[in-house]
Structures are given as C-alpha cells and as structure tokens.
Protein backbone atom coordinates (compact mmCIF):
# COMPACT_ATOMS: atom_id res chain seq x y z
CA MET A 1 -48.88 189.78 20.50
CA PRO A 2 -45.60 187.99 21.55
CA ARG A 3 -42.65 189.24 19.69
CA GLU A 4 -42.24 186.00 18.05
CA GLY A 5 -45.82 186.25 16.53
CA TYR A 6 -44.80 189.76 15.59
CA GLN A 7 -41.79 188.34 13.51
CA ASP A 8 -44.06 185.72 12.08
CA GLU A 9 -46.14 188.55 10.87
CA LEU A 10 -43.40 190.38 9.25
CA ASN A 11 -42.07 187.13 7.64
CA GLN A 12 -45.68 186.62 6.35
CA LEU A 13 -45.87 189.92 4.66
CA ARG A 14 -42.73 189.53 2.95
CA GLU A 15 -43.92 186.11 1.40
CA ASP A 16 -47.34 187.79 0.49
CA VAL A 17 -45.59 190.56 -1.46
CA LEU A 18 -43.67 188.13 -3.35
CA PHE A 19 -46.64 186.10 -3.98
CA MET A 20 -48.42 189.44 -5.40
CA SER A 21 -45.24 189.70 -7.60
CA GLU A 22 -45.81 186.38 -8.96
CA VAL A 23 -49.30 187.02 -9.90
CA VAL A 24 -48.46 190.32 -11.51
CA LEU A 25 -45.59 188.87 -13.59
CA GLU A 26 -47.92 186.19 -14.73
CA ARG A 27 -50.29 188.71 -15.92
CA LEU A 28 -47.46 190.68 -17.78
CA ASN A 29 -46.32 187.65 -19.29
CA MET A 30 -49.61 186.84 -20.60
CA GLY A 31 -50.27 190.25 -21.81
CA LEU A 32 -47.01 190.26 -23.97
CA SER A 33 -48.16 186.74 -25.34
CA ALA A 34 -51.64 187.94 -26.28
CA LEU A 35 -50.07 190.88 -28.02
CA GLU A 36 -47.58 188.67 -30.05
CA GLN A 37 -50.11 185.89 -30.88
CA LYS A 38 -53.17 188.30 -31.17
CA ASP A 39 -54.97 185.96 -28.85
CA GLU A 40 -58.20 187.76 -27.61
CA GLU A 41 -59.12 184.97 -25.22
CA MET A 42 -55.83 185.52 -23.44
CA ALA A 43 -56.28 189.35 -23.73
CA TRP A 44 -59.65 188.88 -21.82
CA ASP A 45 -58.06 186.61 -19.17
CA VAL A 46 -55.48 189.41 -18.55
CA ILE A 47 -57.99 192.31 -18.47
CA GLU A 48 -60.64 190.31 -16.20
CA GLY A 49 -57.78 189.21 -13.82
CA ASP A 50 -57.04 192.72 -12.80
CA ASP A 51 -59.68 192.35 -10.32
CA GLU A 52 -57.61 189.46 -8.35
CA VAL A 53 -54.42 191.78 -8.37
CA ASN A 54 -56.59 194.69 -6.79
CA GLU A 55 -57.90 192.56 -4.28
CA LEU A 56 -54.28 191.27 -3.36
CA TYR A 57 -53.24 194.83 -3.00
CA LEU A 58 -55.96 195.81 -0.72
CA GLU A 59 -55.23 192.70 1.50
CA LEU A 60 -51.50 193.66 1.84
CA GLU A 61 -52.54 197.32 2.20
CA GLN A 62 -54.50 196.27 5.29
CA GLN A 63 -51.78 194.01 6.63
CA CYS A 64 -49.22 197.01 6.58
CA MET A 65 -51.49 199.21 8.38
CA ASP A 66 -52.28 196.73 10.85
CA LEU A 67 -48.74 196.03 11.63
CA ILE A 68 -47.94 199.94 11.99
CA ALA A 69 -51.09 200.44 14.09
CA LEU A 70 -50.77 197.43 16.53
CA GLN A 71 -47.14 196.85 16.63
CA GLN A 72 -45.68 200.61 16.41
CA PRO A 73 -42.54 199.27 14.45
CA VAL A 74 -39.39 201.48 14.50
CA ALA A 75 -36.10 201.56 12.51
CA GLY A 76 -35.53 198.77 10.23
CA ASP A 77 -39.06 197.10 10.85
CA LEU A 78 -40.73 200.34 9.92
CA ARG A 79 -38.65 200.76 6.89
CA PHE A 80 -39.54 197.13 5.91
CA ILE A 81 -43.28 197.65 6.26
CA ALA A 82 -43.19 200.89 4.54
CA ALA A 83 -41.02 199.62 1.67
CA SER A 84 -43.37 196.68 1.47
CA PHE A 85 -46.37 198.99 1.08
CA LYS A 86 -44.67 201.18 -1.77
CA ILE A 87 -43.60 197.95 -3.43
CA ILE A 88 -47.18 196.58 -3.78
CA THR A 89 -48.12 199.98 -5.19
CA ASP A 90 -45.80 199.62 -7.99
CA LEU A 91 -46.76 195.95 -8.47
CA GLU A 92 -50.40 197.04 -8.79
CA ARG A 93 -49.49 199.85 -11.47
CA ILE A 94 -47.55 197.12 -13.39
CA ALA A 95 -50.57 195.01 -13.34
CA ASP A 96 -52.78 197.90 -14.86
CA LEU A 97 -50.12 198.35 -17.66
CA ALA A 98 -50.58 194.61 -18.25
CA THR A 99 -54.24 195.14 -18.67
CA ASN A 100 -53.42 197.85 -21.02
CA LEU A 101 -51.75 195.26 -23.22
CA GLY A 102 -54.75 193.12 -23.28
CA ASP A 103 -56.91 196.00 -24.29
CA TYR A 104 -54.27 196.83 -27.12
CA THR A 105 -54.46 193.30 -28.24
CA LEU A 106 -58.39 193.53 -28.62
CA ASP A 107 -57.93 196.84 -30.70
CA ALA A 108 -55.09 196.29 -32.83
CA LYS A 109 -56.05 196.00 -36.62
CA ARG A 110 -52.92 195.22 -38.27
CA ASN A 111 -49.12 194.48 -37.97
CA LEU A 112 -47.08 197.57 -37.68
CA ALA A 113 -43.30 198.61 -37.69
CA PRO A 114 -41.63 195.08 -38.21
CA ASP A 115 -38.24 196.50 -37.26
CA VAL A 116 -39.70 197.37 -33.54
CA ASP A 117 -39.15 194.10 -31.35
CA ILE A 118 -41.85 194.71 -28.85
CA GLN A 119 -41.45 191.26 -27.42
CA SER A 120 -37.56 191.72 -26.82
CA ILE A 121 -38.40 194.98 -24.78
CA GLY A 122 -41.18 193.23 -22.85
CA GLU A 123 -38.89 190.41 -21.98
CA ALA A 124 -36.34 192.97 -20.69
CA VAL A 125 -38.51 194.66 -18.65
CA VAL A 126 -40.01 191.44 -17.06
CA GLU A 127 -36.50 190.43 -16.33
CA MET A 128 -36.16 193.64 -14.60
CA VAL A 129 -39.11 193.24 -12.30
CA GLU A 130 -38.21 189.74 -11.53
CA THR A 131 -34.66 190.84 -10.53
CA ALA A 132 -35.92 193.70 -8.43
CA MET A 133 -38.13 191.40 -6.52
CA GLU A 134 -35.23 189.02 -5.83
CA GLY A 135 -33.50 192.02 -4.51
CA TYR A 136 -36.46 192.71 -2.17
CA ALA A 137 -36.60 189.09 -1.27
CA GLU A 138 -32.94 188.62 -0.56
CA GLU A 139 -32.20 192.25 0.53
CA ASN A 140 -29.57 192.51 -2.02
CA VAL A 141 -28.13 195.82 -2.51
CA GLU A 142 -25.93 195.27 -5.46
CA ASN A 143 -29.08 194.07 -7.17
CA CYS A 144 -30.72 197.46 -6.70
CA TYR A 145 -28.17 199.42 -8.21
CA ALA A 146 -27.87 197.09 -11.25
CA ILE A 147 -31.71 197.58 -11.87
CA ALA A 148 -31.17 201.44 -12.02
CA GLU A 149 -28.43 201.13 -14.28
CA ARG A 150 -30.59 198.57 -16.62
CA ASP A 151 -33.34 201.21 -16.59
CA ASP A 152 -30.98 203.40 -18.65
CA GLU A 153 -30.89 200.76 -21.40
CA ILE A 154 -34.52 200.11 -21.41
CA ASP A 155 -35.23 203.90 -21.87
CA GLU A 156 -32.86 203.89 -24.87
CA LEU A 157 -34.63 200.89 -26.34
CA CYS A 158 -37.89 202.46 -26.15
CA GLU A 159 -36.65 205.90 -27.52
CA THR A 160 -35.27 203.94 -30.60
CA ALA A 161 -38.39 201.94 -31.18
CA SER A 162 -40.61 205.01 -30.88
CA GLU A 163 -38.29 206.85 -33.58
CA THR A 164 -38.58 203.95 -35.68
CA VAL A 165 -42.53 203.74 -35.71
CA ALA A 166 -42.56 207.62 -36.43
CA ARG A 167 -39.84 207.01 -39.28
CA ASP A 168 -42.00 204.24 -40.97
CA LEU A 169 -45.10 206.25 -40.65
CA ILE A 170 -43.42 209.29 -42.41
CA GLU A 171 -42.00 207.15 -45.19
CA ARG A 172 -45.16 205.47 -46.12
CA ASP A 173 -46.48 206.77 -49.42
CA ASP A 174 -49.19 204.02 -50.10
CA LEU A 175 -52.19 205.64 -48.31
CA ASN A 176 -54.81 207.53 -50.07
CA ASP A 177 -58.12 206.60 -48.50
CA GLU A 178 -59.07 208.85 -45.43
CA GLY A 179 -60.55 205.80 -43.55
CA GLU A 180 -57.67 203.63 -43.92
CA ILE A 181 -55.22 206.56 -42.72
CA GLU A 182 -57.57 207.11 -39.71
CA ALA A 183 -57.12 203.37 -38.88
CA LEU A 184 -53.51 203.38 -39.42
CA MET A 185 -52.99 206.28 -37.15
CA GLN A 186 -54.95 204.57 -34.17
CA ASP A 187 -52.75 201.80 -34.59
CA VAL A 188 -49.66 203.80 -34.54
CA TYR A 189 -50.83 205.41 -31.57
CA ARG A 190 -51.63 202.24 -29.88
CA LEU A 191 -48.07 200.85 -30.54
CA LEU A 192 -46.58 204.07 -29.24
CA LEU A 193 -48.59 203.49 -26.26
CA THR A 194 -47.38 199.86 -26.03
CA ILE A 195 -43.66 201.25 -26.11
CA ARG A 196 -44.57 203.80 -23.41
CA ASP A 197 -46.15 201.38 -21.16
CA LEU A 198 -43.34 198.81 -21.22
CA GLU A 199 -40.95 201.76 -20.38
CA ARG A 200 -43.26 202.45 -17.31
CA VAL A 201 -43.01 199.04 -16.19
CA GLY A 202 -39.10 199.24 -16.10
CA ASP A 203 -39.58 202.42 -14.07
CA HIS A 204 -41.72 200.66 -11.64
CA ALA A 205 -38.87 197.87 -11.48
CA VAL A 206 -36.62 200.90 -10.57
CA ASN A 207 -38.92 202.21 -7.71
CA ILE A 208 -38.99 198.46 -6.31
CA SER A 209 -35.28 198.43 -6.16
CA ALA A 210 -34.97 202.10 -4.78
CA ARG A 211 -37.46 201.13 -1.87
CA THR A 212 -35.41 197.94 -1.25
CA LEU A 213 -32.19 200.07 -0.87
CA TYR A 214 -33.82 202.41 1.57
CA MET A 215 -35.35 199.43 3.51
CA VAL A 216 -31.83 197.52 3.81
CA GLU A 217 -29.53 200.53 4.10
CA SER A 218 -31.84 203.78 5.01
CA ASP A 219 -30.30 205.03 1.62
CA ASP A 220 -32.56 207.14 -0.35
CA GLU A 221 -30.09 207.55 -3.29
CA LEU A 222 -32.35 205.97 -5.78
CA LEU A 223 -35.55 207.42 -4.54
CA TYR A 224 -36.86 210.09 -6.99
C-alpha cells in the first residue's frame, strides 16, 4: 500500500475511535437520564444498544491488528495504534457501565438518599470522558494531566456519596417488616453500585488520558 494510503488508514482509525466515543457517551447520558426519570423504555434502549458498541469495538480491534500486521508501524505510529486499541477497550467498558445504569433503572423500587446527587456525579464523569477524548483527538498533553487531577475530585465525591447512603440507612428507625427491610437493602446495594460504576467511568477517562500521554510523548507517568 502506498505511504499516502497508510496515512489515510491512520487518520481513519482516529476518526473511527472518536465516533465510537460519541456512541458510548450517548449511551452513558441515556443511562443517567433513564435512572433520573425512571424511564424503563430508555433503560431498555441503553441495554439493547450495547450490541452496537460491541460490534464497533470488534471492528476497530481488527483495524488496529491489520495496521500492525500489514504495515509494521514503528515509533510514533505504533504508539498511536496501540493507544487507540487500549482506548477502545476503555470505551467498551464505559458502555458496559452505562448498561448497568439501565439495569439499575429497571430494578430500582424507590427513591433513596435524597442528599446524594447521582446526576451531578454522572455529569462530571461524562465531562471527564469528553475531555479525555478531546485530548486524544488533539494530542493535548496538558489535557491529560488535568483529567488525572479531576479524578481525585470524583473519587472524593463518590466516597462522600457512599458514606451518606450508609449514614442514612443507619439512621432509619421506621422499618419493622422483614420484607420491606430486604427490599430496602437491595435498593441501597443498587445505589452503592451506581456510585461505584460512575467512579469507574472516571477511572476509564484517566486510562484514556494516560494512553494519550504515552502516545504523544512516550511518557508512561499516568499509566497504572
């Protein structure tokens, strides 16, 4: 393949990774909206849409493998392809976490912990993923470090939210029926899982930025 065609392949890979990120972010936003509105139809859309993300992932995985096998890239090109492969893996996992939000929407029985603002945490991690993907698109190193710092704030928000859920549960004294207690415990467990999953979305955003930093500067400082 002429070198010009090879460069076109690299450019296409970047565009396709960015397209996958748009699809994943749409799913994540839908999952958050379904959870907030208790919209079961939207929840099912998120759950059933996971197949599309999986197909995109497999197609992009093959693109990366073909570029490595057929073009034998070195140095910066190899780092770009390897980073792209790792990034689509993080995106696929974010989509799985969005699917979890759909599941939680279908299973939730009641409103819990009004002091916990799940939507604010959700919006923050969505913004992290958006910014991380902008860093990948623009090869912006400063962006990568900013995402890593932002993750500490998300971790703190999630820890505070989990503590609030536990505190509210401990302080309740209006439950006597064993069945109601069991149902409440299931909902509390689901809420804690929601907080944990949103924290993991933030972790994947950091992974994306770490791979971008390595791609641009061969710097593994943020890799862990």
